[in-house]
Structures are given as C-alpha cells and as structure tokens.
Amino acid sequence: MIYVDTSVVLAQIFAEDRRPTPAFWSHGLVASRSVVYEAWVRVHTLGRGATHGAATASTLARLDLVALNEATCARCHTPFPVPVRTGDALHLAAACFLREQAEEVEFATYDARLAVAAGALGFRMAPLD
C-alpha cells in the first residue's frame, strides 16, 4: 500500500513535469480525507475549477481514503521526530495509523520536508518517477 500526500495529487491534476508514472496509479493507493479538501482548495485558489475539476475528481477517485477521526489522528498528540506543519502531521498520523493496522505502507510525496519526516518515522519512500 502506498500513502499519497497532496503534493502527488496536485502534480497529477496539473500535469506537472514531475508527476507519477501511469503505472504508479495502478498500486493500492491511500490518503487521509484531508487530501480531498487540500486538493480542491488549491484548485479553486488558482481559479482552475472549471478547467481542472474533472482531473481533480478522477485523481481523487483513485485513492482509498482514511477518516480523520480520533483514532487516526492520535499520533498528533505526541511529538514527531522532526518539526512538522499541521497538514503534514495529519498525513503522517494517517500513515502511522495504517501501519499500526499491520499494513505495509510506503510513503509518496514531492514535499522535501514531509519526506524527511516520513523517513524519520521509518517509512520507505515510494518511487514516483
């Protein structure tokens, strides 16, 4: 299973030069529900709802979503091994929750700070390119 953060989703939506290969999307992909909100907010902030709405919906539909409930977010109650932003903490907490459920989880991100934090928590990084 590969945990996908918002940077990967946005790279796909906006067809950036650096984005996952088509084969990446055939894996079991999971994300916290926050990725839905983060992606839509970014699309609308850039004024691209009309042009990128379909790509947003289809990209998000490829993901299994983890609820942001107390059990999922419990990891945020203790310090992380490196300083993290709130959104990153929620992504990391969701990935930790999945790992605690005896799931093998790789982490996919284009965010360098989040990659460092995921690595510090022992996550293997999923290949993106």
C-alpha atoms as a PDB file:
ATOM      1  CA  MET A   1       0.000   0.000   0.000  1.00  0.00           C
ATOM      2  CA  ILE A   2       1.223   3.494  -0.822  1.00  0.00           C
ATOM      3  CA  TYR A   3       0.206   6.514   1.226  1.00  0.00           C
ATOM      4  CA  VAL A   4      -0.170   9.509  -1.108  1.00  0.00           C
ATOM      5  CA  ASP A   5       0.086  13.103   0.078  1.00  0.00           C
ATOM      6  CA  THR A   6      -1.383  16.185  -1.556  1.00  0.00           C
ATOM      7  CA  SER A   7       1.771  17.149  -3.459  1.00  0.00           C
ATOM      8  CA  VAL A   8       1.489  13.956  -5.521  1.00  0.00           C
ATOM      9  CA  VAL A   9      -2.209  14.511  -6.208  1.00  0.00           C
ATOM     10  CA  LEU A  10      -1.643  18.110  -7.296  1.00  0.00           C
ATOM     11  CA  ALA A  11       1.258  17.124  -9.550  1.00  0.00           C
ATOM     12  CA  GLN A  12      -1.089  14.717 -11.322  1.00  0.00           C
ATOM     13  CA  ILE A  13      -4.010  17.163 -11.517  1.00  0.00           C
ATOM     14  CA  PHE A  14      -1.875  19.929 -13.004  1.00  0.00           C
ATOM     15  CA  ALA A  15       0.151  17.570 -15.229  1.00  0.00           C
ATOM     16  CA  GLU A  16       3.399  18.901 -13.834  1.00  0.00           C
ATOM     17  CA  ASP A  17       6.709  17.828 -15.333  1.00  0.00           C
ATOM     18  CA  ARG A  18       7.439  15.906 -12.137  1.00  0.00           C
ATOM     19  CA  ARG A  19       4.498  13.573 -11.555  1.00  0.00           C
ATOM     20  CA  PRO A  20       3.995   9.843 -11.029  1.00  0.00           C
ATOM     21  CA  THR A  21       4.136   7.483 -13.976  1.00  0.00           C
ATOM     22  CA  PRO A  22       0.860   5.936 -15.130  1.00  0.00           C
ATOM     23  CA  ALA A  23       1.962   2.642 -13.514  1.00  0.00           C
ATOM     24  CA  PHE A  24       2.045   4.335 -10.096  1.00  0.00           C
ATOM     25  CA  TRP A  25      -1.730   4.764 -10.195  1.00  0.00           C
ATOM     26  CA  SER A  26      -2.279   1.004 -10.530  1.00  0.00           C
ATOM     27  CA  HIS A  27      -0.985   0.363  -6.979  1.00  0.00           C
ATOM     28  CA  GLY A  28      -3.132   0.254  -3.857  1.00  0.00           C
ATOM     29  CA  LEU A  29      -3.195   3.960  -3.000  1.00  0.00           C
ATOM     30  CA  VAL A  30      -4.495   5.522   0.175  1.00  0.00           C
ATOM     31  CA  ALA A  31      -4.627   9.036   1.624  1.00  0.00           C
ATOM     32  CA  SER A  32      -6.221  10.830   4.518  1.00  0.00           C
ATOM     33  CA  ARG A  33      -9.501  12.542   3.768  1.00  0.00           C
ATOM     34  CA  SER A  34      -7.638  15.848   4.153  1.00  0.00           C
ATOM     35  CA  VAL A  35      -6.115  15.356   0.690  1.00  0.00           C
ATOM     36  CA  VAL A  36      -9.591  15.858  -0.809  1.00  0.00           C
ATOM     37  CA  TYR A  37     -10.003  19.224   0.868  1.00  0.00           C
ATOM     38  CA  GLU A  38      -6.431  20.335   0.242  1.00  0.00           C
ATOM     39  CA  ALA A  39      -6.661  19.470  -3.461  1.00  0.00           C
ATOM     40  CA  TRP A  40      -9.997  21.180  -4.074  1.00  0.00           C
ATOM     41  CA  VAL A  41      -8.965  24.291  -2.140  1.00  0.00           C
ATOM     42  CA  ARG A  42      -5.760  24.557  -4.199  1.00  0.00           C
ATOM     43  CA  VAL A  43      -7.608  24.069  -7.497  1.00  0.00           C
ATOM     44  CA  HIS A  44     -10.133  26.772  -6.615  1.00  0.00           C
ATOM     45  CA  THR A  45      -7.484  29.120  -5.150  1.00  0.00           C
ATOM     46  CA  LEU A  46      -5.779  29.030  -8.542  1.00  0.00           C
ATOM     47  CA  GLY A  47      -9.124  29.678 -10.268  1.00  0.00           C
ATOM     48  CA  ARG A  48      -8.956  26.376 -12.146  1.00  0.00           C
ATOM     49  CA  GLY A  49     -12.128  24.643 -11.007  1.00  0.00           C
ATOM     50  CA  ALA A  50     -13.666  24.805 -14.467  1.00  0.00           C
ATOM     51  CA  THR A  51     -10.571  23.563 -16.300  1.00  0.00           C
ATOM     52  CA  HIS A  52      -9.243  21.065 -13.745  1.00  0.00           C
ATOM     53  CA  GLY A  53     -12.369  19.914 -11.904  1.00  0.00           C
ATOM     54  CA  ALA A  54     -12.688  16.658 -13.848  1.00  0.00           C
ATOM     55  CA  ALA A  55      -8.990  15.846 -13.386  1.00  0.00           C
ATOM     56  CA  THR A  56      -9.325  16.576  -9.676  1.00  0.00           C
ATOM     57  CA  ALA A  57     -12.327  14.301  -9.259  1.00  0.00           C
ATOM     58  CA  SER A  58     -10.793  11.456 -11.280  1.00  0.00           C
ATOM     59  CA  THR A  59      -7.443  11.654  -9.468  1.00  0.00           C
ATOM     60  CA  LEU A  60      -9.094  11.663  -6.046  1.00  0.00           C
ATOM     61  CA  ALA A  61     -11.311   8.731  -7.057  1.00  0.00           C
ATOM     62  CA  ARG A  62      -8.168   6.589  -7.406  1.00  0.00           C
ATOM     63  CA  LEU A  63      -7.486   6.843  -3.674  1.00  0.00           C
ATOM     64  CA  ASP A  64      -8.911   4.924  -0.744  1.00  0.00           C
ATOM     65  CA  LEU A  65      -9.493   7.490   1.982  1.00  0.00           C
ATOM     66  CA  VAL A  66      -8.754   7.250   5.689  1.00  0.00           C
ATOM     67  CA  ALA A  67     -11.085   9.171   8.002  1.00  0.00           C
ATOM     68  CA  LEU A  68      -9.616  11.919  10.142  1.00  0.00           C
ATOM     69  CA  ASN A  69     -11.115  10.645  13.375  1.00  0.00           C
ATOM     70  CA  GLU A  70      -9.614  10.451  16.870  1.00  0.00           C
ATOM     71  CA  ALA A  71      -8.052   7.027  16.259  1.00  0.00           C
ATOM     72  CA  THR A  72      -6.385   8.163  13.043  1.00  0.00           C
ATOM     73  CA  CYS A  73      -5.141  11.458  14.425  1.00  0.00           C
ATOM     74  CA  ALA A  74      -3.974  10.139  17.817  1.00  0.00           C
ATOM     75  CA  ARG A  75      -0.336  10.206  16.627  1.00  0.00           C
ATOM     76  CA  CYS A  76      -0.567  14.012  16.565  1.00  0.00           C
ATOM     77  CA  HIS A  77      -0.815  14.020  20.384  1.00  0.00           C
ATOM     78  CA  THR A  78       2.881  13.220  20.725  1.00  0.00           C
ATOM     79  CA  PRO A  79       5.914  14.941  19.215  1.00  0.00           C
ATOM     80  CA  PHE A  80       7.202  13.947  15.807  1.00  0.00           C
ATOM     81  CA  PRO A  81      10.934  13.228  15.409  1.00  0.00           C
ATOM     82  CA  VAL A  82      11.331  16.416  13.358  1.00  0.00           C
ATOM     83  CA  PRO A  83       9.252  19.629  13.294  1.00  0.00           C
ATOM     84  CA  VAL A  84       6.198  19.325  11.011  1.00  0.00           C
ATOM     85  CA  ARG A  85       3.376  21.544   9.824  1.00  0.00           C
ATOM     86  CA  THR A  86      -0.201  20.710  10.855  1.00  0.00           C
ATOM     87  CA  GLY A  87      -1.235  19.333   7.471  1.00  0.00           C
ATOM     88  CA  ASP A  88       1.886  17.188   7.312  1.00  0.00           C
ATOM     89  CA  ALA A  89       1.213  15.899  10.829  1.00  0.00           C
ATOM     90  CA  LEU A  90      -2.236  14.745   9.712  1.00  0.00           C
ATOM     91  CA  HIS A  91      -0.747  12.910   6.721  1.00  0.00           C
ATOM     92  CA  LEU A  92       1.877  11.277   8.899  1.00  0.00           C
ATOM     93  CA  ALA A  93      -0.681  10.334  11.547  1.00  0.00           C
ATOM     94  CA  ALA A  94      -2.878   8.663   8.927  1.00  0.00           C
ATOM     95  CA  ALA A  95       0.082   6.707   7.542  1.00  0.00           C
ATOM     96  CA  CYS A  96       1.098   5.661  11.070  1.00  0.00           C
ATOM     97  CA  PHE A  97      -2.469   4.549  11.766  1.00  0.00           C
ATOM     98  CA  LEU A  98      -2.416   2.337   8.674  1.00  0.00           C
ATOM     99  CA  ARG A  99       0.938   0.868   9.655  1.00  0.00           C
ATOM    100  CA  GLU A 100      -0.429   0.096  13.134  1.00  0.00           C
ATOM    101  CA  GLN A 101      -3.174  -1.921  11.455  1.00  0.00           C
ATOM    102  CA  ALA A 102      -0.439  -4.325  10.299  1.00  0.00           C
ATOM    103  CA  GLU A 103      -0.315  -2.780   6.861  1.00  0.00           C
ATOM    104  CA  GLU A 104       2.951  -2.367   4.982  1.00  0.00           C
ATOM    105  CA  VAL A 105       2.936   1.278   3.989  1.00  0.00           C
ATOM    106  CA  GLU A 106       5.214   3.192   1.635  1.00  0.00           C
ATOM    107  CA  PHE A 107       5.010   6.987   1.559  1.00  0.00           C
ATOM    108  CA  ALA A 108       4.724   9.084  -1.613  1.00  0.00           C
ATOM    109  CA  THR A 109       5.410  12.818  -1.556  1.00  0.00           C
ATOM    110  CA  TYR A 110       7.161  15.515  -3.544  1.00  0.00           C
ATOM    111  CA  ASP A 111       7.438  17.671  -0.412  1.00  0.00           C
ATOM    112  CA  ALA A 112      11.048  17.504   0.818  1.00  0.00           C
ATOM    113  CA  ARG A 113      10.206  18.397   4.434  1.00  0.00           C
ATOM    114  CA  LEU A 114       7.440  15.809   4.595  1.00  0.00           C
ATOM    115  CA  ALA A 115       9.753  13.194   3.061  1.00  0.00           C
ATOM    116  CA  VAL A 116      12.307  13.830   5.822  1.00  0.00           C
ATOM    117  CA  ALA A 117       9.618  13.466   8.495  1.00  0.00           C
ATOM    118  CA  ALA A 118       8.241  10.273   6.929  1.00  0.00           C
ATOM    119  CA  GLY A 119      11.742   8.834   6.746  1.00  0.00           C
ATOM    120  CA  ALA A 120      12.363   9.731  10.394  1.00  0.00           C
ATOM    121  CA  LEU A 121       9.265   7.698  11.246  1.00  0.00           C
ATOM    122  CA  GLY A 122      10.685   4.725   9.347  1.00  0.00           C
ATOM    123  CA  PHE A 123       8.571   4.913   6.208  1.00  0.00           C
ATOM    124  CA  ARG A 124      10.129   3.751   2.968  1.00  0.00           C
ATOM    125  CA  MET A 125       9.566   6.241   0.165  1.00  0.00           C
ATOM    126  CA  ALA A 126       7.587   5.026  -2.829  1.00  0.00           C
ATOM    127  CA  PRO A 127       9.259   5.631  -6.201  1.00  0.00           C
ATOM    128  CA  LEU A 128       7.439   8.399  -8.059  1.00  0.00           C
ATOM    129  CA  ASP A 129       9.392   8.880 -11.318  1.00  0.00           C
END
